[in-house]
Structures are given as structure tokens and as C-alpha cells.
Amino acid sequence: MFDIFNVIVPVFAIIGVGYMAVRLRLFPSEGTKSLVAFVNNFATPCLLCQAMLTSDFLHVPIEFARYGILLAAMPAGINVYVFATYYDRAVNVAANVVLISTVASIATITFWLYVLGH
């Protein structure tokens, strides 16, 4: 029963810390872009990798876990920019996050392919 909390709590902790950091303006706009790209391309796949490979309740075969981790490492989708434009909120940040995470994904996807291949 409590195994699921070991998976869920770190994910919601990252979301909560990110929300509070933006809400309290702890990072400048330029730092937020890079931080979002880091969380999207590296931290989330790390949490997913740890959850899929160490938890007893998921029972995910390693072959399927690899696909899930690689999908989590993909760059931010264009829908981030579409929603930002639609709601007229942080359009520049969204555009830069898509750009930064796409460029960063060259390194992070290569890293995850190497890690998951061994």
C-alpha cells in the first residue's frame, strides 16, 4: 500500500517546489526556462526510471520501462506554447522552454539511450 507513496510523493514534491518557486519569484525568467528544461529532460525521467525499476507494485518489464523513460525525456511539446498563447501567460517563457528543451534533448536523450542500453 505504501509503495505507491514512494513513487507519487517525489513527483508531486517536484511539481510543488516548482510551483512555489515560480509563485514566489525565486528565479528570474531566464532561470525558469532552464529549470523547466532540466526538470522536463532529466529529473522527470530519473524519477520515472527509479519508480519503474525499483517498485514492486508496477511490475513493468524492463523493455517497456525503457520506452516510458525515453518518452519522459522528450522535449517539451508545442502544446506548451499553444496553451501559453491561448491564455496569454508567459508566452516568451513557453517559447524558450520548447527551444531549450529541444536543444537539450540532444544530450539528454543520448544519455538515456546509453544508460538504458547497459
N, C-alpha and C. Protein backbone atom coordinates (compact mmCIF):
# COMPACT_ATOMS: atom_id res chain seq x y z
N MET A 1 0.82 -1.19 0.00
CA MET A 1 0.00 0.00 0.00
C MET A 1 0.87 1.26 0.00
N PHE A 2 1.87 1.29 0.87
CA PHE A 2 2.69 2.49 0.97
C PHE A 2 3.74 2.58 -0.12
N ASP A 3 3.89 1.53 -0.93
CA ASP A 3 4.85 1.58 -2.03
C ASP A 3 4.49 2.65 -3.04
N ILE A 4 3.21 2.86 -3.24
CA ILE A 4 2.79 3.86 -4.22
C ILE A 4 3.17 5.27 -3.77
N PHE A 5 3.21 5.50 -2.46
CA PHE A 5 3.62 6.82 -1.96
C PHE A 5 5.07 7.10 -2.27
N ASN A 6 5.90 6.07 -2.30
CA ASN A 6 7.31 6.25 -2.64
C ASN A 6 7.49 6.71 -4.08
N VAL A 7 6.51 6.43 -4.92
CA VAL A 7 6.56 6.86 -6.31
C VAL A 7 5.89 8.22 -6.49
N ILE A 8 4.76 8.41 -5.85
CA ILE A 8 3.96 9.62 -6.07
C ILE A 8 4.53 10.84 -5.36
N VAL A 9 5.00 10.67 -4.14
CA VAL A 9 5.45 11.82 -3.35
C VAL A 9 6.59 12.59 -4.03
N PRO A 10 7.64 11.94 -4.56
CA PRO A 10 8.69 12.74 -5.23
C PRO A 10 8.18 13.51 -6.45
N VAL A 11 7.26 12.93 -7.18
CA VAL A 11 6.72 13.62 -8.36
C VAL A 11 5.96 14.87 -7.94
N PHE A 12 5.07 14.72 -6.97
CA PHE A 12 4.31 15.88 -6.52
C PHE A 12 5.19 16.88 -5.77
N ALA A 13 6.26 16.40 -5.16
CA ALA A 13 7.19 17.32 -4.50
C ALA A 13 7.88 18.21 -5.52
N ILE A 14 8.30 17.63 -6.64
CA ILE A 14 8.92 18.43 -7.70
C ILE A 14 7.93 19.44 -8.27
N ILE A 15 6.69 18.99 -8.49
CA ILE A 15 5.66 19.90 -9.00
C ILE A 15 5.40 21.02 -8.01
N GLY A 16 5.28 20.67 -6.73
CA GLY A 16 5.01 21.68 -5.70
C GLY A 16 6.14 22.67 -5.52
N VAL A 17 7.37 22.18 -5.51
CA VAL A 17 8.52 23.07 -5.37
C VAL A 17 8.61 24.00 -6.58
N GLY A 18 8.37 23.46 -7.77
CA GLY A 18 8.39 24.30 -8.97
C GLY A 18 7.30 25.35 -8.95
N TYR A 19 6.12 24.95 -8.51
CA TYR A 19 5.01 25.91 -8.43
C TYR A 19 5.33 27.03 -7.45
N MET A 20 5.83 26.66 -6.29
CA MET A 20 6.14 27.67 -5.28
C MET A 20 7.30 28.56 -5.72
N ALA A 21 8.28 27.99 -6.40
CA ALA A 21 9.41 28.80 -6.87
C ALA A 21 8.95 29.85 -7.88
N VAL A 22 8.04 29.46 -8.76
CA VAL A 22 7.52 30.43 -9.74
C VAL A 22 6.60 31.43 -9.05
N ARG A 23 5.76 30.94 -8.17
CA ARG A 23 4.79 31.80 -7.47
C ARG A 23 5.50 32.86 -6.61
N LEU A 24 6.57 32.45 -5.94
CA LEU A 24 7.31 33.37 -5.08
C LEU A 24 8.40 34.13 -5.82
N ARG A 25 8.51 33.87 -7.11
CA ARG A 25 9.50 34.53 -7.97
C ARG A 25 10.93 34.35 -7.43
N LEU A 26 11.25 33.11 -7.09
CA LEU A 26 12.59 32.80 -6.59
C LEU A 26 13.62 32.77 -7.70
N PHE A 27 13.18 32.56 -8.93
CA PHE A 27 14.08 32.52 -10.07
C PHE A 27 13.69 33.60 -11.06
N PRO A 28 14.67 34.22 -11.70
CA PRO A 28 14.33 35.15 -12.78
C PRO A 28 13.77 34.39 -13.98
N SER A 29 13.20 35.09 -14.89
CA SER A 29 12.57 34.46 -16.06
C SER A 29 13.56 33.59 -16.83
N GLU A 30 14.81 34.04 -16.96
CA GLU A 30 15.81 33.27 -17.68
C GLU A 30 16.13 31.97 -16.95
N GLY A 31 16.17 32.00 -15.64
CA GLY A 31 16.43 30.80 -14.86
C GLY A 31 15.29 29.81 -14.91
N THR A 32 14.08 30.31 -15.00
CA THR A 32 12.90 29.45 -15.06
C THR A 32 12.92 28.62 -16.33
N LYS A 33 13.33 29.21 -17.42
CA LYS A 33 13.36 28.49 -18.69
C LYS A 33 14.31 27.29 -18.61
N SER A 34 15.48 27.53 -18.09
CA SER A 34 16.46 26.45 -17.98
C SER A 34 16.04 25.41 -16.95
N LEU A 35 15.45 25.86 -15.86
CA LEU A 35 14.99 24.94 -14.83
C LEU A 35 13.89 24.02 -15.35
N VAL A 36 12.95 24.57 -16.09
CA VAL A 36 11.88 23.76 -16.67
C VAL A 36 12.45 22.75 -17.65
N ALA A 37 13.40 23.17 -18.46
CA ALA A 37 14.03 22.24 -19.40
C ALA A 37 14.77 21.13 -18.66
N PHE A 38 15.47 21.46 -17.57
CA PHE A 38 16.17 20.44 -16.77
C PHE A 38 15.19 19.44 -16.17
N VAL A 39 14.14 19.94 -15.58
CA VAL A 39 13.15 19.05 -14.96
C VAL A 39 12.49 18.18 -16.02
N ASN A 40 12.16 18.77 -17.15
CA ASN A 40 11.49 18.01 -18.21
C ASN A 40 12.39 16.96 -18.83
N ASN A 41 13.64 17.30 -19.07
CA ASN A 41 14.53 16.39 -19.80
C ASN A 41 15.34 15.46 -18.93
N PHE A 42 15.52 15.79 -17.64
CA PHE A 42 16.39 14.95 -16.83
C PHE A 42 15.73 14.48 -15.53
N ALA A 43 15.17 15.38 -14.74
CA ALA A 43 14.65 14.99 -13.42
C ALA A 43 13.44 14.07 -13.53
N THR A 44 12.51 14.38 -14.40
CA THR A 44 11.33 13.52 -14.56
C THR A 44 11.71 12.13 -15.06
N PRO A 45 12.56 12.00 -16.07
CA PRO A 45 12.97 10.65 -16.46
C PRO A 45 13.71 9.91 -15.35
N CYS A 46 14.49 10.63 -14.54
CA CYS A 46 15.17 9.98 -13.40
C CYS A 46 14.15 9.40 -12.42
N LEU A 47 13.14 10.19 -12.09
CA LEU A 47 12.11 9.70 -11.17
C LEU A 47 11.36 8.52 -11.77
N LEU A 48 11.04 8.62 -13.05
CA LEU A 48 10.33 7.53 -13.72
C LEU A 48 11.18 6.27 -13.77
N CYS A 49 12.45 6.42 -14.06
CA CYS A 49 13.36 5.28 -14.10
C CYS A 49 13.43 4.62 -12.73
N GLN A 50 13.60 5.42 -11.70
CA GLN A 50 13.67 4.89 -10.34
C GLN A 50 12.37 4.19 -9.96
N ALA A 51 11.24 4.77 -10.32
CA ALA A 51 9.95 4.19 -9.96
C ALA A 51 9.71 2.87 -10.69
N MET A 52 10.02 2.84 -11.97
CA MET A 52 9.74 1.64 -12.75
C MET A 52 10.68 0.49 -12.42
N LEU A 53 11.90 0.80 -12.04
CA LEU A 53 12.86 -0.26 -11.83
C LEU A 53 12.96 -0.74 -10.39
N THR A 54 12.46 0.04 -9.45
CA THR A 54 12.62 -0.36 -8.05
C THR A 54 11.32 -0.68 -7.32
N SER A 55 10.18 -0.26 -7.84
CA SER A 55 8.94 -0.51 -7.11
C SER A 55 8.41 -1.91 -7.42
N ASP A 56 7.81 -2.51 -6.40
CA ASP A 56 7.29 -3.87 -6.55
C ASP A 56 5.90 -3.91 -7.17
N PHE A 57 5.15 -2.83 -7.04
CA PHE A 57 3.75 -2.89 -7.47
C PHE A 57 3.55 -2.62 -8.95
N LEU A 58 4.52 -2.03 -9.62
CA LEU A 58 4.34 -1.74 -11.04
C LEU A 58 4.55 -2.96 -11.92
N HIS A 59 5.52 -3.78 -11.59
CA HIS A 59 5.83 -4.98 -12.36
C HIS A 59 5.96 -4.68 -13.85
N VAL A 60 6.73 -3.66 -14.16
CA VAL A 60 6.93 -3.25 -15.55
C VAL A 60 8.17 -3.97 -16.08
N PRO A 61 8.02 -4.72 -17.17
CA PRO A 61 9.21 -5.34 -17.76
C PRO A 61 10.19 -4.25 -18.22
N ILE A 62 11.46 -4.55 -18.14
CA ILE A 62 12.50 -3.56 -18.45
C ILE A 62 12.36 -3.02 -19.87
N GLU A 63 11.89 -3.85 -20.80
CA GLU A 63 11.74 -3.39 -22.18
C GLU A 63 10.71 -2.26 -22.27
N PHE A 64 9.60 -2.39 -21.54
CA PHE A 64 8.57 -1.35 -21.56
C PHE A 64 9.00 -0.14 -20.73
N ALA A 65 9.74 -0.36 -19.67
CA ALA A 65 10.22 0.75 -18.85
C ALA A 65 11.13 1.65 -19.67
N ARG A 66 11.95 1.06 -20.51
CA ARG A 66 12.85 1.86 -21.35
C ARG A 66 12.08 2.82 -22.24
N TYR A 67 10.98 2.34 -22.84
CA TYR A 67 10.19 3.21 -23.71
C TYR A 67 9.55 4.35 -22.92
N GLY A 68 9.04 4.05 -21.74
CA GLY A 68 8.44 5.09 -20.91
C GLY A 68 9.43 6.15 -20.48
N ILE A 69 10.63 5.71 -20.13
CA ILE A 69 11.66 6.66 -19.70
C ILE A 69 12.10 7.54 -20.87
N LEU A 70 12.25 6.96 -22.04
CA LEU A 70 12.62 7.76 -23.21
C LEU A 70 11.52 8.75 -23.58
N LEU A 71 10.26 8.34 -23.45
CA LEU A 71 9.17 9.28 -23.72
C LEU A 71 9.18 10.43 -22.73
N ALA A 72 9.52 10.15 -21.48
CA ALA A 72 9.58 11.21 -20.47
C ALA A 72 10.74 12.17 -20.74
N ALA A 73 11.77 11.70 -21.43
CA ALA A 73 12.94 12.53 -21.71
C ALA A 73 12.77 13.40 -22.96
N MET A 74 11.68 13.24 -23.67
CA MET A 74 11.46 14.02 -24.88
C MET A 74 11.27 15.50 -24.54
N PRO A 75 11.59 16.38 -25.48
CA PRO A 75 11.47 17.81 -25.21
C PRO A 75 10.01 18.23 -25.01
N ALA A 76 9.85 19.41 -24.43
CA ALA A 76 8.50 19.95 -24.21
C ALA A 76 7.80 20.08 -25.55
N GLY A 77 6.57 19.66 -25.58
CA GLY A 77 5.79 19.71 -26.81
C GLY A 77 5.34 21.11 -27.14
N ILE A 78 4.93 21.28 -28.35
CA ILE A 78 4.48 22.59 -28.81
C ILE A 78 3.20 23.01 -28.10
N ASN A 79 2.48 22.03 -27.51
CA ASN A 79 1.24 22.38 -26.81
C ASN A 79 1.50 23.33 -25.64
N VAL A 80 2.70 23.32 -25.07
CA VAL A 80 3.06 24.27 -24.01
C VAL A 80 2.94 25.69 -24.56
N TYR A 81 3.48 25.90 -25.73
CA TYR A 81 3.41 27.23 -26.36
C TYR A 81 1.98 27.58 -26.76
N VAL A 82 1.24 26.60 -27.28
CA VAL A 82 -0.14 26.85 -27.70
C VAL A 82 -0.98 27.29 -26.50
N PHE A 83 -0.87 26.59 -25.37
CA PHE A 83 -1.63 26.98 -24.18
C PHE A 83 -1.19 28.34 -23.65
N ALA A 84 0.10 28.62 -23.67
CA ALA A 84 0.59 29.92 -23.21
C ALA A 84 0.05 31.04 -24.08
N THR A 85 0.00 30.81 -25.37
CA THR A 85 -0.53 31.81 -26.29
C THR A 85 -2.03 31.98 -26.10
N TYR A 86 -2.74 30.87 -25.95
CA TYR A 86 -4.19 30.91 -25.79
C TYR A 86 -4.59 31.68 -24.54
N TYR A 87 -3.89 31.43 -23.44
CA TYR A 87 -4.21 32.09 -22.18
C TYR A 87 -3.41 33.37 -21.95
N ASP A 88 -2.55 33.71 -22.92
CA ASP A 88 -1.74 34.92 -22.86
C ASP A 88 -0.95 35.02 -21.55
N ARG A 89 -0.29 33.91 -21.21
CA ARG A 89 0.52 33.83 -19.99
C ARG A 89 1.89 33.28 -20.34
N ALA A 90 2.93 33.97 -20.02
CA ALA A 90 4.32 33.53 -20.16
C ALA A 90 4.62 32.95 -21.54
N VAL A 91 4.21 33.66 -22.56
CA VAL A 91 4.42 33.18 -23.93
C VAL A 91 5.91 33.09 -24.24
N ASN A 92 6.69 34.09 -23.83
CA ASN A 92 8.14 34.06 -24.08
C ASN A 92 8.80 32.91 -23.35
N VAL A 93 8.38 32.66 -22.11
CA VAL A 93 8.95 31.55 -21.35
C VAL A 93 8.62 30.23 -22.03
N ALA A 94 7.38 30.07 -22.47
CA ALA A 94 6.98 28.82 -23.13
C ALA A 94 7.76 28.61 -24.42
N ALA A 95 7.92 29.66 -25.20
CA ALA A 95 8.68 29.53 -26.45
C ALA A 95 10.12 29.14 -26.18
N ASN A 96 10.71 29.76 -25.16
CA ASN A 96 12.09 29.44 -24.83
C ASN A 96 12.23 28.04 -24.23
N VAL A 97 11.24 27.61 -23.46
CA VAL A 97 11.28 26.25 -22.90
C VAL A 97 11.25 25.22 -24.01
N VAL A 98 10.40 25.43 -25.00
CA VAL A 98 10.34 24.50 -26.13
C VAL A 98 11.68 24.48 -26.85
N LEU A 99 12.27 25.64 -27.08
CA LEU A 99 13.56 25.71 -27.76
C LEU A 99 14.68 25.07 -26.93
N ILE A 100 14.78 25.46 -25.65
CA ILE A 100 15.86 24.95 -24.80
C ILE A 100 15.73 23.45 -24.59
N SER A 101 14.51 22.98 -24.34
CA SER A 101 14.35 21.54 -24.09
C SER A 101 14.59 20.73 -25.35
N THR A 102 14.30 21.29 -26.51
CA THR A 102 14.58 20.58 -27.75
C THR A 102 16.09 20.47 -27.98
N VAL A 103 16.81 21.56 -27.74
CA VAL A 103 18.26 21.52 -27.90
C VAL A 103 18.89 20.63 -26.83
N ALA A 104 18.41 20.74 -25.59
CA ALA A 104 18.96 19.92 -24.50
C ALA A 104 18.66 18.44 -24.70
N SER A 105 17.58 18.14 -25.41
CA SER A 105 17.22 16.73 -25.60
C SER A 105 18.25 15.99 -26.45
N ILE A 106 19.05 16.69 -27.20
CA ILE A 106 20.12 16.03 -27.95
C ILE A 106 21.05 15.32 -26.98
N ALA A 107 21.40 16.00 -25.90
CA ALA A 107 22.29 15.40 -24.90
C ALA A 107 21.54 14.44 -23.99
N THR A 108 20.35 14.84 -23.54
CA THR A 108 19.66 14.01 -22.54
C THR A 108 19.14 12.71 -23.14
N ILE A 109 18.63 12.75 -24.35
CA ILE A 109 18.15 11.51 -24.98
C ILE A 109 19.33 10.59 -25.26
N THR A 110 20.45 11.15 -25.69
CA THR A 110 21.65 10.35 -25.88
C THR A 110 22.08 9.71 -24.57
N PHE A 111 22.05 10.49 -23.49
CA PHE A 111 22.39 9.97 -22.17
C PHE A 111 21.47 8.82 -21.77
N TRP A 112 20.17 9.02 -21.92
CA TRP A 112 19.22 7.97 -21.51
C TRP A 112 19.32 6.74 -22.40
N LEU A 113 19.60 6.91 -23.68
CA LEU A 113 19.81 5.75 -24.54
C LEU A 113 21.03 4.96 -24.09
N TYR A 114 22.08 5.67 -23.68
CA TYR A 114 23.28 5.00 -23.19
C TYR A 114 22.99 4.27 -21.88
N VAL A 115 22.35 4.95 -20.94
CA VAL A 115 22.05 4.35 -19.63
C VAL A 115 21.13 3.14 -19.77
N LEU A 116 20.09 3.29 -20.56
CA LEU A 116 19.12 2.19 -20.70
C LEU A 116 19.63 1.04 -21.55
N GLY A 117 20.67 1.30 -22.33
CA GLY A 117 21.24 0.25 -23.15
C GLY A 117 22.18 -0.66 -22.40
N HIS A 118 22.58 -0.26 -21.20
CA HIS A 118 23.54 -1.06 -20.42
C HIS A 118 22.88 -1.67 -19.22
